[in-house]
N, C-alpha and C. Protein backbone atom coordinates (compact mmCIF):
# COMPACT_ATOMS: atom_id res chain seq x y z
N UNK A 1 -29.03 5.01 65.24
CA UNK A 1 -29.36 5.94 64.16
C UNK A 1 -29.33 5.16 62.85
N UNK A 2 -30.47 5.02 62.24
CA UNK A 2 -30.58 4.23 61.03
C UNK A 2 -30.75 5.14 59.82
N UNK A 3 -30.15 4.78 58.70
CA UNK A 3 -30.26 5.60 57.49
C UNK A 3 -31.69 5.68 56.94
N UNK A 4 -32.51 4.67 57.23
CA UNK A 4 -33.88 4.66 56.71
C UNK A 4 -34.69 5.83 57.26
N UNK A 5 -34.37 6.25 58.49
CA UNK A 5 -35.09 7.38 59.09
C UNK A 5 -34.82 8.64 58.29
N UNK A 6 -33.56 8.86 57.92
CA UNK A 6 -33.21 10.05 57.15
C UNK A 6 -33.79 10.01 55.74
N UNK A 7 -33.82 8.83 55.15
CA UNK A 7 -34.41 8.69 53.81
C UNK A 7 -35.90 9.01 53.86
N UNK A 8 -36.58 8.55 54.91
CA UNK A 8 -38.01 8.87 55.05
C UNK A 8 -38.24 10.36 55.24
N UNK A 9 -37.37 11.01 56.01
CA UNK A 9 -37.51 12.45 56.24
C UNK A 9 -37.31 13.21 54.94
N UNK A 10 -36.27 12.86 54.18
CA UNK A 10 -36.00 13.54 52.92
C UNK A 10 -37.12 13.29 51.92
N UNK A 11 -37.64 12.07 51.87
CA UNK A 11 -38.73 11.75 50.96
C UNK A 11 -39.98 12.54 51.29
N UNK A 12 -40.32 12.64 52.56
CA UNK A 12 -41.51 13.41 52.92
C UNK A 12 -41.29 14.90 52.70
N UNK A 13 -40.07 15.40 52.88
CA UNK A 13 -39.77 16.81 52.63
C UNK A 13 -39.90 17.12 51.14
N UNK A 14 -39.38 16.27 50.30
CA UNK A 14 -39.49 16.49 48.85
C UNK A 14 -40.94 16.38 48.38
N UNK A 15 -41.70 15.48 48.98
CA UNK A 15 -43.12 15.38 48.64
C UNK A 15 -43.88 16.64 49.04
N UNK A 16 -43.54 17.18 50.21
CA UNK A 16 -44.18 18.42 50.65
C UNK A 16 -43.83 19.58 49.73
N UNK A 17 -42.58 19.66 49.32
CA UNK A 17 -42.17 20.72 48.40
C UNK A 17 -42.90 20.58 47.07
N UNK A 18 -43.04 19.38 46.57
CA UNK A 18 -43.74 19.16 45.31
C UNK A 18 -45.21 19.57 45.41
N UNK A 19 -45.85 19.26 46.51
CA UNK A 19 -47.26 19.62 46.68
C UNK A 19 -47.42 21.13 46.80
N UNK A 20 -46.54 21.77 47.57
CA UNK A 20 -46.64 23.22 47.76
C UNK A 20 -46.37 23.98 46.47
N UNK A 21 -45.40 23.52 45.69
CA UNK A 21 -45.08 24.20 44.44
C UNK A 21 -46.19 23.97 43.42
N UNK A 22 -46.71 22.76 43.35
CA UNK A 22 -47.75 22.49 42.36
C UNK A 22 -49.04 23.24 42.67
N UNK A 23 -49.26 23.61 43.92
CA UNK A 23 -50.47 24.36 44.27
C UNK A 23 -50.47 25.75 43.63
N UNK A 24 -49.29 26.31 43.39
CA UNK A 24 -49.25 27.63 42.77
C UNK A 24 -48.91 27.56 41.28
N UNK A 25 -48.29 26.49 40.83
CA UNK A 25 -47.88 26.38 39.43
C UNK A 25 -48.99 25.84 38.53
N UNK A 26 -49.76 24.90 39.00
CA UNK A 26 -50.79 24.29 38.15
C UNK A 26 -51.85 25.29 37.67
N UNK A 27 -52.39 26.16 38.52
CA UNK A 27 -53.33 27.16 37.98
C UNK A 27 -52.69 28.07 36.94
N UNK A 28 -51.44 28.43 37.16
CA UNK A 28 -50.73 29.27 36.19
C UNK A 28 -50.54 28.52 34.87
N UNK A 29 -50.27 27.23 34.94
CA UNK A 29 -50.11 26.42 33.75
C UNK A 29 -51.41 26.35 32.95
N UNK A 30 -52.52 26.17 33.63
CA UNK A 30 -53.82 26.08 32.96
C UNK A 30 -54.17 27.41 32.29
N UNK A 31 -53.95 28.52 33.01
CA UNK A 31 -54.26 29.83 32.43
C UNK A 31 -53.33 30.13 31.26
N UNK A 32 -52.06 29.80 31.40
CA UNK A 32 -51.11 30.03 30.31
C UNK A 32 -51.46 29.24 29.07
N UNK A 33 -51.91 28.00 29.25
CA UNK A 33 -52.32 27.18 28.11
C UNK A 33 -53.56 27.74 27.43
N UNK A 34 -54.52 28.17 28.22
CA UNK A 34 -55.74 28.72 27.62
C UNK A 34 -55.47 30.05 26.90
N UNK A 35 -54.59 30.88 27.45
CA UNK A 35 -54.23 32.14 26.79
C UNK A 35 -53.47 31.85 25.50
N UNK A 36 -52.61 30.85 25.52
CA UNK A 36 -51.86 30.50 24.30
C UNK A 36 -52.79 29.99 23.20
N UNK A 37 -53.78 29.20 23.58
CA UNK A 37 -54.75 28.73 22.58
C UNK A 37 -55.54 29.91 22.03
N UNK A 38 -55.92 30.84 22.90
CA UNK A 38 -56.64 32.04 22.45
C UNK A 38 -55.77 32.87 21.51
N UNK A 39 -54.49 33.03 21.84
CA UNK A 39 -53.59 33.80 20.97
C UNK A 39 -53.39 33.11 19.63
N UNK A 40 -53.29 31.81 19.64
CA UNK A 40 -53.11 31.09 18.38
C UNK A 40 -54.37 31.17 17.51
N UNK A 41 -55.52 31.16 18.16
CA UNK A 41 -56.77 31.21 17.39
C UNK A 41 -57.03 32.59 16.81
N UNK A 42 -56.60 33.64 17.50
CA UNK A 42 -56.89 35.00 17.04
C UNK A 42 -55.69 35.68 16.41
N UNK A 43 -54.55 35.04 16.38
CA UNK A 43 -53.31 35.59 15.81
C UNK A 43 -52.88 36.88 16.50
N UNK A 44 -53.14 36.98 17.80
CA UNK A 44 -52.68 38.11 18.59
C UNK A 44 -51.35 37.71 19.23
N UNK A 45 -50.30 38.47 18.94
CA UNK A 45 -48.98 38.16 19.47
C UNK A 45 -48.52 39.24 20.45
N UNK A 46 -49.27 39.43 21.48
CA UNK A 46 -48.95 40.44 22.49
C UNK A 46 -48.30 39.73 23.68
N UNK A 47 -47.12 40.17 24.07
CA UNK A 47 -46.39 39.52 25.15
C UNK A 47 -47.08 39.71 26.50
N UNK A 48 -47.64 40.89 26.74
CA UNK A 48 -48.28 41.12 28.02
C UNK A 48 -49.56 40.32 28.18
N UNK A 49 -50.18 39.95 27.08
CA UNK A 49 -51.40 39.14 27.15
C UNK A 49 -51.11 37.75 27.70
N UNK A 50 -49.93 37.23 27.45
CA UNK A 50 -49.60 35.91 27.97
C UNK A 50 -48.97 35.97 29.35
N UNK A 51 -48.33 37.07 29.68
CA UNK A 51 -47.62 37.16 30.96
C UNK A 51 -48.51 37.61 32.10
N UNK A 52 -49.30 38.62 31.90
CA UNK A 52 -50.07 39.23 32.97
C UNK A 52 -51.12 38.30 33.59
N UNK A 53 -51.91 37.57 32.83
CA UNK A 53 -52.88 36.65 33.47
C UNK A 53 -52.19 35.55 34.29
N UNK A 54 -51.06 35.03 33.78
CA UNK A 54 -50.34 34.01 34.55
C UNK A 54 -49.80 34.58 35.85
N UNK A 55 -49.29 35.80 35.80
CA UNK A 55 -48.78 36.45 37.00
C UNK A 55 -49.88 36.66 38.03
N UNK A 56 -51.03 37.15 37.56
CA UNK A 56 -52.14 37.40 38.48
C UNK A 56 -52.66 36.11 39.10
N UNK A 57 -52.79 35.06 38.29
CA UNK A 57 -53.29 33.78 38.81
C UNK A 57 -52.28 33.16 39.77
N UNK A 58 -51.00 33.29 39.50
CA UNK A 58 -49.99 32.76 40.40
C UNK A 58 -50.03 33.49 41.73
N UNK A 59 -50.13 34.81 41.71
CA UNK A 59 -50.19 35.57 42.96
C UNK A 59 -51.46 35.24 43.73
N UNK A 60 -52.60 35.14 43.04
CA UNK A 60 -53.84 34.76 43.71
C UNK A 60 -53.77 33.35 44.28
N UNK A 61 -53.11 32.44 43.57
CA UNK A 61 -52.95 31.08 44.08
C UNK A 61 -52.09 31.03 45.33
N UNK A 62 -51.05 31.84 45.36
CA UNK A 62 -50.20 31.90 46.55
C UNK A 62 -50.96 32.52 47.71
N UNK A 63 -51.72 33.58 47.45
CA UNK A 63 -52.50 34.21 48.51
C UNK A 63 -53.58 33.25 49.03
N UNK A 64 -54.26 32.58 48.10
CA UNK A 64 -55.34 31.68 48.49
C UNK A 64 -54.82 30.45 49.25
N UNK A 65 -53.65 29.94 48.84
CA UNK A 65 -53.14 28.73 49.45
C UNK A 65 -52.10 28.95 50.53
N UNK A 66 -51.86 30.19 50.93
CA UNK A 66 -50.81 30.45 51.91
C UNK A 66 -51.14 29.84 53.27
N UNK A 67 -52.37 29.95 53.70
CA UNK A 67 -52.75 29.40 55.00
C UNK A 67 -52.63 27.87 55.01
N UNK A 68 -53.10 27.26 53.94
CA UNK A 68 -53.01 25.80 53.83
C UNK A 68 -51.55 25.35 53.77
N UNK A 69 -50.74 26.05 52.99
CA UNK A 69 -49.33 25.70 52.87
C UNK A 69 -48.58 25.86 54.17
N UNK A 70 -48.88 26.93 54.89
CA UNK A 70 -48.23 27.13 56.19
C UNK A 70 -48.63 26.04 57.17
N UNK A 71 -49.90 25.63 57.14
CA UNK A 71 -50.33 24.52 58.01
C UNK A 71 -49.59 23.23 57.66
N UNK A 72 -49.39 22.98 56.37
CA UNK A 72 -48.65 21.78 55.95
C UNK A 72 -47.20 21.84 56.46
N UNK A 73 -46.57 23.01 56.37
CA UNK A 73 -45.19 23.15 56.83
C UNK A 73 -45.11 22.96 58.35
N UNK A 74 -46.09 23.50 59.08
CA UNK A 74 -46.10 23.35 60.54
C UNK A 74 -46.30 21.89 60.92
N UNK A 75 -47.21 21.19 60.22
CA UNK A 75 -47.41 19.76 60.48
C UNK A 75 -46.13 18.97 60.22
N UNK A 76 -45.43 19.30 59.15
CA UNK A 76 -44.18 18.61 58.84
C UNK A 76 -43.13 18.88 59.92
N UNK A 77 -43.04 20.13 60.38
CA UNK A 77 -42.09 20.47 61.42
C UNK A 77 -42.41 19.74 62.72
N UNK A 78 -43.69 19.67 63.07
CA UNK A 78 -44.07 18.95 64.29
C UNK A 78 -43.75 17.46 64.17
N UNK A 79 -43.93 16.91 62.98
CA UNK A 79 -43.56 15.51 62.75
C UNK A 79 -42.06 15.31 62.91
N UNK A 80 -41.28 16.27 62.43
CA UNK A 80 -39.83 16.19 62.60
C UNK A 80 -39.44 16.26 64.07
N UNK A 81 -40.09 17.13 64.82
CA UNK A 81 -39.78 17.25 66.25
C UNK A 81 -40.13 15.95 66.97
N UNK A 82 -41.22 15.32 66.59
CA UNK A 82 -41.60 14.04 67.23
C UNK A 82 -40.65 12.91 66.84
N UNK A 83 -39.95 13.04 65.73
CA UNK A 83 -39.02 12.00 65.27
C UNK A 83 -37.62 12.16 65.85
N UNK A 84 -37.38 13.22 66.61
CA UNK A 84 -36.02 13.45 67.15
C UNK A 84 -35.54 12.27 68.00
N UNK A 85 -36.36 11.70 68.89
CA UNK A 85 -35.84 10.55 69.66
C UNK A 85 -35.43 9.36 68.80
N UNK A 86 -36.15 9.11 67.71
CA UNK A 86 -35.77 7.98 66.86
C UNK A 86 -34.52 8.28 66.06
N UNK A 87 -34.23 9.55 65.81
CA UNK A 87 -33.01 9.91 65.08
C UNK A 87 -31.81 9.83 66.01
N UNK A 88 -31.97 10.31 67.22
CA UNK A 88 -30.84 10.33 68.17
C UNK A 88 -30.56 8.94 68.72
N UNK A 89 -31.59 8.23 69.11
CA UNK A 89 -31.37 6.96 69.78
C UNK A 89 -31.69 5.87 68.90
């Protein structure tokens, strides 16, 4: 049992988490930035104007990317199952 195997597993798990989170956060970030620029240009200071579009885009991003994200998680799990012999022996 070598420590490098565990380091590789943790590194790939953190990479997967970063990819899955960024798939739903980046569209929300882009919409939030564009709404903020619009608010600054028009001097509209409405809280719901900045919150609601980000919420809708985040939910749509999660719905749109759920199948892809689940496939990524299943692939990672299958990779972990295939690595069990190298972890044990």
